[in-house]
Amino acid sequence: ERRCAMETRASYVLVGSFVMLCLFGMIVAMLWLTGSQYRQEFAYYRTVFSGGVTGLGRGTTVRFNGIDVGSISELAFDPENPSSVIVTVQIDPVVPIQADAVASIQSQGFTGGTFLEIDGGTANSPLLTARPGEQYPVIPSRPNTLQQLAQAGPELVANFNTVGVRVSDVLNDENRKLIAESLATLAKTLENVRSTTRFLNSANNPA
């Protein structure tokens, strides 16, 4: 009976040890899976835009040559220039960002969503790296098409005004009179030529 009790106790110990080992294995597996999820690596870059960044926010898609490669992780005002916005992006680390790459704010059509587009640089350009004092490499930015039109608007208006003034100078009263006289002289000359041609034809072909 004593031997039977000892064997039963040994069986409980074995079962308990097996259960503990299984629980330990499950815990290790969960920690590994969780760690791999949060250990996903990104390459971080920054770009700075002057003026508004309407449509951008945390989680906004980042595209590289039209392909989704990451998202915006942070937006902040430039402490040295409040009119500028610093945009931090996280992208797939395998994406090659060359030193001459450029970032811009783009929209998918007039009613589509806004995204951050990175145009890849040339193949011979070195990879973009952080300069001394920079936390992340900084991608140069450029205004989008609408911003470029808005910035060029005053200059275009000024050019149109200049053209209008010059056209007005050309078409002043004196020049209009000269043009009218020149057209009248040209018309008279053409009429004389036609008259001469008719006379020659009549002389060469008598009835």
C-alpha atoms as a PDB file:
ATOM      1  CA  GLU A   1       0.000   0.000   0.000  1.00  0.00           C
ATOM      2  CA  ARG A   2       2.868   2.339   0.827  1.00  0.00           C
ATOM      3  CA  ARG A   3       4.537   1.432  -2.446  1.00  0.00           C
ATOM      4  CA  CYS A   4       1.327   2.152  -4.330  1.00  0.00           C
ATOM      5  CA  ALA A   5       1.085   5.591  -2.709  1.00  0.00           C
ATOM      6  CA  MET A   6       4.659   6.415  -3.699  1.00  0.00           C
ATOM      7  CA  GLU A   7       4.015   5.359  -7.304  1.00  0.00           C
ATOM      8  CA  THR A   8       0.876   7.515  -7.389  1.00  0.00           C
ATOM      9  CA  ARG A   9       2.796  10.494  -6.020  1.00  0.00           C
ATOM     10  CA  ALA A  10       5.540   9.974  -8.626  1.00  0.00           C
ATOM     11  CA  SER A  11       2.929   9.930 -11.383  1.00  0.00           C
ATOM     12  CA  TYR A  12       1.484  13.220 -10.122  1.00  0.00           C
ATOM     13  CA  VAL A  13       4.959  14.736 -10.139  1.00  0.00           C
ATOM     14  CA  LEU A  14       5.564  13.594 -13.714  1.00  0.00           C
ATOM     15  CA  VAL A  15       2.178  14.884 -14.873  1.00  0.00           C
ATOM     16  CA  GLY A  16       2.713  18.172 -13.050  1.00  0.00           C
ATOM     17  CA  SER A  17       6.180  18.556 -14.534  1.00  0.00           C
ATOM     18  CA  PHE A  18       4.841  17.865 -18.026  1.00  0.00           C
ATOM     19  CA  VAL A  19       2.057  20.415 -17.580  1.00  0.00           C
ATOM     20  CA  MET A  20       4.507  23.018 -16.280  1.00  0.00           C
ATOM     21  CA  LEU A  21       6.842  22.329 -19.187  1.00  0.00           C
ATOM     22  CA  CYS A  22       3.964  22.777 -21.670  1.00  0.00           C
ATOM     23  CA  LEU A  23       2.906  26.034 -19.992  1.00  0.00           C
ATOM     24  CA  PHE A  24       6.476  27.287 -20.056  1.00  0.00           C
ATOM     25  CA  GLY A  25       6.746  26.423 -23.759  1.00  0.00           C
ATOM     26  CA  MET A  26       3.490  28.248 -24.511  1.00  0.00           C
ATOM     27  CA  ILE A  27       4.664  31.332 -22.628  1.00  0.00           C
ATOM     28  CA  VAL A  28       7.978  31.351 -24.498  1.00  0.00           C
ATOM     29  CA  ALA A  29       6.181  30.953 -27.834  1.00  0.00           C
ATOM     30  CA  MET A  30       3.779  33.816 -27.042  1.00  0.00           C
ATOM     31  CA  LEU A  31       6.624  36.082 -25.970  1.00  0.00           C
ATOM     32  CA  TRP A  32       8.536  35.256 -29.151  1.00  0.00           C
ATOM     33  CA  LEU A  33       5.536  35.934 -31.380  1.00  0.00           C
ATOM     34  CA  THR A  34       4.735  39.173 -29.566  1.00  0.00           C
ATOM     35  CA  GLY A  35       8.343  40.268 -29.709  1.00  0.00           C
ATOM     36  CA  SER A  36       8.575  39.543 -33.426  1.00  0.00           C
ATOM     37  CA  GLN A  37       5.438  41.597 -33.986  1.00  0.00           C
ATOM     38  CA  TYR A  38       6.761  44.651 -32.147  1.00  0.00           C
ATOM     39  CA  ARG A  39      10.279  44.084 -33.341  1.00  0.00           C
ATOM     40  CA  GLN A  40       9.330  44.855 -36.929  1.00  0.00           C
ATOM     41  CA  GLU A  41      12.038  47.128 -38.214  1.00  0.00           C
ATOM     42  CA  PHE A  42      11.486  50.328 -40.165  1.00  0.00           C
ATOM     43  CA  ALA A  43      13.815  52.803 -41.724  1.00  0.00           C
ATOM     44  CA  TYR A  44      13.012  56.320 -40.516  1.00  0.00           C
ATOM     45  CA  TYR A  45      13.403  59.490 -42.559  1.00  0.00           C
ATOM     46  CA  ARG A  46      12.319  63.095 -42.261  1.00  0.00           C
ATOM     47  CA  THR A  47      11.264  65.754 -44.697  1.00  0.00           C
ATOM     48  CA  VAL A  48      10.313  69.387 -44.148  1.00  0.00           C
ATOM     49  CA  PHE A  49       7.505  71.253 -45.910  1.00  0.00           C
ATOM     50  CA  SER A  50       7.013  75.003 -45.962  1.00  0.00           C
ATOM     51  CA  GLY A  51       3.410  76.033 -45.441  1.00  0.00           C
ATOM     52  CA  GLY A  52       0.399  73.792 -44.921  1.00  0.00           C
ATOM     53  CA  VAL A  53       0.394  70.005 -45.172  1.00  0.00           C
ATOM     54  CA  THR A  54      -3.369  69.601 -45.491  1.00  0.00           C
ATOM     55  CA  GLY A  55      -4.375  65.962 -45.811  1.00  0.00           C
ATOM     56  CA  LEU A  56      -1.333  64.518 -44.052  1.00  0.00           C
ATOM     57  CA  GLY A  57      -1.535  62.880 -40.628  1.00  0.00           C
ATOM     58  CA  ARG A  58      -0.227  59.972 -38.636  1.00  0.00           C
ATOM     59  CA  GLY A  59      -0.742  56.812 -40.621  1.00  0.00           C
ATOM     60  CA  THR A  60      -0.918  58.575 -44.000  1.00  0.00           C
ATOM     61  CA  THR A  61       0.450  56.353 -46.748  1.00  0.00           C
ATOM     62  CA  VAL A  62       3.985  56.878 -48.006  1.00  0.00           C
ATOM     63  CA  ARG A  63       4.700  55.789 -51.574  1.00  0.00           C
ATOM     64  CA  PHE A  64       7.988  55.252 -53.334  1.00  0.00           C
ATOM     65  CA  ASN A  65       7.659  55.692 -57.090  1.00  0.00           C
ATOM     66  CA  GLY A  66       3.939  54.981 -56.749  1.00  0.00           C
ATOM     67  CA  ILE A  67       4.261  51.866 -54.530  1.00  0.00           C
ATOM     68  CA  ASP A  68       3.115  51.798 -50.885  1.00  0.00           C
ATOM     69  CA  VAL A  69       6.211  51.387 -48.712  1.00  0.00           C
ATOM     70  CA  GLY A  70       5.279  52.828 -45.311  1.00  0.00           C
ATOM     71  CA  SER A  71       3.423  55.532 -43.447  1.00  0.00           C
ATOM     72  CA  ILE A  72       3.839  58.818 -41.611  1.00  0.00           C
ATOM     73  CA  SER A  73       4.696  58.282 -37.957  1.00  0.00           C
ATOM     74  CA  GLU A  74       4.848  61.878 -36.714  1.00  0.00           C
ATOM     75  CA  LEU A  75       4.088  65.485 -37.653  1.00  0.00           C
ATOM     76  CA  ALA A  76       5.611  68.429 -35.806  1.00  0.00           C
ATOM     77  CA  PHE A  77       6.273  72.131 -36.239  1.00  0.00           C
ATOM     78  CA  ASP A  78       9.835  73.142 -36.916  1.00  0.00           C
ATOM     79  CA  PRO A  79      10.959  74.868 -33.679  1.00  0.00           C
ATOM     80  CA  GLU A  80      13.267  77.122 -35.702  1.00  0.00           C
ATOM     81  CA  ASN A  81      10.603  78.031 -38.259  1.00  0.00           C
ATOM     82  CA  PRO A  82       6.944  77.688 -37.166  1.00  0.00           C
ATOM     83  CA  SER A  83       5.759  78.049 -40.772  1.00  0.00           C
ATOM     84  CA  SER A  84       7.472  74.751 -41.632  1.00  0.00           C
ATOM     85  CA  VAL A  85       6.283  71.252 -40.754  1.00  0.00           C
ATOM     86  CA  ILE A  86       8.617  68.340 -40.016  1.00  0.00           C
ATOM     87  CA  VAL A  87       7.252  65.017 -41.263  1.00  0.00           C
ATOM     88  CA  THR A  88       8.747  61.771 -39.944  1.00  0.00           C
ATOM     89  CA  VAL A  89       8.108  58.659 -42.031  1.00  0.00           C
ATOM     90  CA  GLN A  90       8.705  54.968 -41.423  1.00  0.00           C
ATOM     91  CA  ILE A  91       9.255  52.814 -44.480  1.00  0.00           C
ATOM     92  CA  ASP A  92      10.413  49.358 -45.442  1.00  0.00           C
ATOM     93  CA  PRO A  93      14.181  49.239 -44.810  1.00  0.00           C
ATOM     94  CA  VAL A  94      14.819  47.452 -48.118  1.00  0.00           C
ATOM     95  CA  VAL A  95      13.627  50.523 -50.065  1.00  0.00           C
ATOM     96  CA  PRO A  96      16.687  52.351 -51.449  1.00  0.00           C
ATOM     97  CA  ILE A  97      16.396  56.074 -50.768  1.00  0.00           C
ATOM     98  CA  GLN A  98      19.085  57.859 -52.754  1.00  0.00           C
ATOM     99  CA  ALA A  99      20.575  61.207 -51.790  1.00  0.00           C
ATOM    100  CA  ASP A 100      18.801  62.950 -54.682  1.00  0.00           C
ATOM    101  CA  ALA A 101      15.347  61.557 -53.847  1.00  0.00           C
ATOM    102  CA  VAL A 102      12.583  64.142 -53.374  1.00  0.00           C
ATOM    103  CA  ALA A 103       9.395  64.059 -51.272  1.00  0.00           C
ATOM    104  CA  SER A 104       6.140  65.766 -52.211  1.00  0.00           C
ATOM    105  CA  ILE A 105       2.494  65.836 -51.154  1.00  0.00           C
ATOM    106  CA  GLN A 106       0.253  64.301 -53.795  1.00  0.00           C
ATOM    107  CA  SER A 107      -3.446  63.557 -54.190  1.00  0.00           C
ATOM    108  CA  GLN A 108      -5.083  60.718 -56.049  1.00  0.00           C
ATOM    109  CA  GLY A 109      -7.310  62.755 -58.323  1.00  0.00           C
ATOM    110  CA  PHE A 110      -9.434  65.676 -57.193  1.00  0.00           C
ATOM    111  CA  THR A 111     -11.510  63.582 -54.769  1.00  0.00           C
ATOM    112  CA  GLY A 112      -8.928  60.947 -53.828  1.00  0.00           C
ATOM    113  CA  GLY A 113      -6.877  60.682 -50.657  1.00  0.00           C
ATOM    114  CA  THR A 114      -3.656  62.544 -49.968  1.00  0.00           C
ATOM    115  CA  PHE A 115      -0.367  60.693 -49.648  1.00  0.00           C
ATOM    116  CA  LEU A 116       3.349  61.390 -49.393  1.00  0.00           C
ATOM    117  CA  GLU A 117       5.240  60.538 -52.561  1.00  0.00           C
ATOM    118  CA  ILE A 118       8.984  59.891 -52.644  1.00  0.00           C
ATOM    119  CA  ASP A 119      10.499  60.059 -56.109  1.00  0.00           C
ATOM    120  CA  GLY A 120      13.550  57.837 -56.309  1.00  0.00           C
ATOM    121  CA  GLY A 121      16.875  59.319 -57.234  1.00  0.00           C
ATOM    122  CA  THR A 122      19.289  58.177 -59.906  1.00  0.00           C
ATOM    123  CA  ALA A 123      20.892  54.754 -59.721  1.00  0.00           C
ATOM    124  CA  ASN A 124      24.404  56.212 -59.453  1.00  0.00           C
ATOM    125  CA  SER A 125      23.495  58.423 -56.513  1.00  0.00           C
ATOM    126  CA  PRO A 126      24.636  57.270 -53.040  1.00  0.00           C
ATOM    127  CA  LEU A 127      22.116  56.223 -50.416  1.00  0.00           C
ATOM    128  CA  LEU A 128      20.768  58.999 -48.224  1.00  0.00           C
ATOM    129  CA  THR A 129      22.296  59.060 -44.744  1.00  0.00           C
ATOM    130  CA  ALA A 130      21.876  61.254 -41.693  1.00  0.00           C
ATOM    131  CA  ARG A 131      24.228  64.206 -41.413  1.00  0.00           C
ATOM    132  CA  PRO A 132      25.941  65.134 -38.164  1.00  0.00           C
ATOM    133  CA  GLY A 133      23.324  66.414 -35.726  1.00  0.00           C
ATOM    134  CA  GLU A 134      20.405  64.780 -37.571  1.00  0.00           C
ATOM    135  CA  GLN A 135      18.427  62.038 -35.874  1.00  0.00           C
ATOM    136  CA  TYR A 136      17.234  60.669 -39.206  1.00  0.00           C
ATOM    137  CA  PRO A 137      18.221  61.266 -42.820  1.00  0.00           C
ATOM    138  CA  VAL A 138      16.345  64.244 -44.306  1.00  0.00           C
ATOM    139  CA  ILE A 139      14.716  63.887 -47.726  1.00  0.00           C
ATOM    140  CA  PRO A 140      14.512  67.195 -49.664  1.00  0.00           C
ATOM    141  CA  SER A 141      10.943  68.275 -50.414  1.00  0.00           C
ATOM    142  CA  ARG A 142       9.241  70.145 -53.224  1.00  0.00           C
ATOM    143  CA  PRO A 143       5.764  71.688 -53.452  1.00  0.00           C
ATOM    144  CA  ASN A 144       3.053  69.776 -55.249  1.00  0.00           C
ATOM    145  CA  THR A 145       1.493  70.936 -58.519  1.00  0.00           C
ATOM    146  CA  LEU A 146      -1.189  73.088 -56.880  1.00  0.00           C
ATOM    147  CA  GLN A 147       1.357  74.734 -54.597  1.00  0.00           C
ATOM    148  CA  GLN A 148       3.625  75.415 -57.559  1.00  0.00           C
ATOM    149  CA  LEU A 149       0.737  77.049 -59.420  1.00  0.00           C
ATOM    150  CA  ALA A 150      -0.150  79.100 -56.352  1.00  0.00           C
ATOM    151  CA  GLN A 151       3.450  80.230 -55.959  1.00  0.00           C
ATOM    152  CA  ALA A 152       3.760  81.011 -59.663  1.00  0.00           C
ATOM    153  CA  GLY A 153       0.391  82.792 -59.779  1.00  0.00           C
ATOM    154  CA  PRO A 154       1.606  86.318 -58.951  1.00  0.00           C
ATOM    155  CA  GLU A 155       4.454  86.013 -61.460  1.00  0.00           C
ATOM    156  CA  LEU A 156       2.078  84.796 -64.189  1.00  0.00           C
ATOM    157  CA  VAL A 157      -0.297  87.688 -63.484  1.00  0.00           C
ATOM    158  CA  ALA A 158       2.587  90.151 -63.665  1.00  0.00           C
ATOM    159  CA  ASN A 159       3.719  88.650 -66.994  1.00  0.00           C
ATOM    160  CA  PHE A 160       0.196  88.896 -68.406  1.00  0.00           C
ATOM    161  CA  ASN A 161       0.015  92.511 -67.306  1.00  0.00           C
ATOM    162  CA  THR A 162       3.330  93.227 -68.998  1.00  0.00           C
ATOM    163  CA  VAL A 163       2.147  91.585 -72.222  1.00  0.00           C
ATOM    164  CA  GLY A 164      -1.082  93.587 -72.069  1.00  0.00           C
ATOM    165  CA  VAL A 165       0.811  96.845 -71.670  1.00  0.00           C
ATOM    166  CA  ARG A 166       3.073  96.039 -74.603  1.00  0.00           C
ATOM    167  CA  VAL A 167       0.118  95.083 -76.802  1.00  0.00           C
ATOM    168  CA  SER A 168      -1.542  98.373 -75.869  1.00  0.00           C
ATOM    169  CA  ASP A 169       1.633 100.249 -76.822  1.00  0.00           C
ATOM    170  CA  VAL A 170       1.715  98.514 -80.192  1.00  0.00           C
ATOM    171  CA  LEU A 171      -1.955  99.219 -80.851  1.00  0.00           C
ATOM    172  CA  ASN A 172      -1.943 102.905 -79.927  1.00  0.00           C
ATOM    173  CA  ASP A 173      -3.681 105.479 -82.162  1.00  0.00           C
ATOM    174  CA  GLU A 174      -0.606 106.343 -84.181  1.00  0.00           C
ATOM    175  CA  ASN A 175       0.351 102.727 -84.850  1.00  0.00           C
ATOM    176  CA  ARG A 176      -3.232 101.808 -85.715  1.00  0.00           C
ATOM    177  CA  LYS A 177      -3.263 104.650 -88.286  1.00  0.00           C
ATOM    178  CA  LEU A 178       0.005 103.433 -89.797  1.00  0.00           C
ATOM    179  CA  ILE A 179      -1.288  99.885 -89.956  1.00  0.00           C
ATOM    180  CA  ALA A 180      -4.508 101.051 -91.644  1.00  0.00           C
ATOM    181  CA  GLU A 181      -2.531 103.057 -94.218  1.00  0.00           C
ATOM    182  CA  SER A 182      -0.242 100.098 -94.874  1.00  0.00           C
ATOM    183  CA  LEU A 183      -3.210  97.809 -95.420  1.00  0.00           C
ATOM    184  CA  ALA A 184      -4.839 100.348 -97.768  1.00  0.00           C
ATOM    185  CA  THR A 185      -1.604 100.671 -99.785  1.00  0.00           C
ATOM    186  CA  LEU A 186      -1.308  96.879 -99.957  1.00  0.00           C
ATOM    187  CA  ALA A 187      -4.914  96.577-101.145  1.00  0.00           C
ATOM    188  CA  LYS A 188      -4.328  99.234-103.845  1.00  0.00           C
ATOM    189  CA  THR A 189      -1.162  97.486-104.996  1.00  0.00           C
ATOM    190  CA  LEU A 190      -2.968  94.153-105.286  1.00  0.00           C
ATOM    191  CA  GLU A 191      -5.727  95.813-107.288  1.00  0.00           C
ATOM    192  CA  ASN A 192      -3.161  97.332-109.681  1.00  0.00           C
ATOM    193  CA  VAL A 193      -1.522  93.934-110.101  1.00  0.00           C
ATOM    194  CA  ARG A 194      -4.874  92.322-110.915  1.00  0.00           C
ATOM    195  CA  SER A 195      -5.679  95.115-113.395  1.00  0.00           C
ATOM    196  CA  THR A 196      -2.310  94.698-115.107  1.00  0.00           C
ATOM    197  CA  THR A 197      -2.795  90.941-115.286  1.00  0.00           C
ATOM    198  CA  ARG A 198      -6.216  91.326-116.895  1.00  0.00           C
ATOM    199  CA  PHE A 199      -4.820  93.815-119.442  1.00  0.00           C
ATOM    200  CA  LEU A 200      -1.966  91.480-120.400  1.00  0.00           C
ATOM    201  CA  ASN A 201      -4.323  88.548-120.760  1.00  0.00           C
ATOM    202  CA  SER A 202      -6.599  90.603-123.044  1.00  0.00           C
ATOM    203  CA  ALA A 203      -3.648  91.705-125.184  1.00  0.00           C
ATOM    204  CA  ASN A 204      -2.349  88.148-125.587  1.00  0.00           C
ATOM    205  CA  ASN A 205      -5.767  86.718-126.365  1.00  0.00           C
ATOM    206  CA  PRO A 206      -7.558  89.148-128.752  1.00  0.00           C
ATOM    207  CA  ALA A 207     -11.174  88.288-129.501  1.00  0.00           C
END
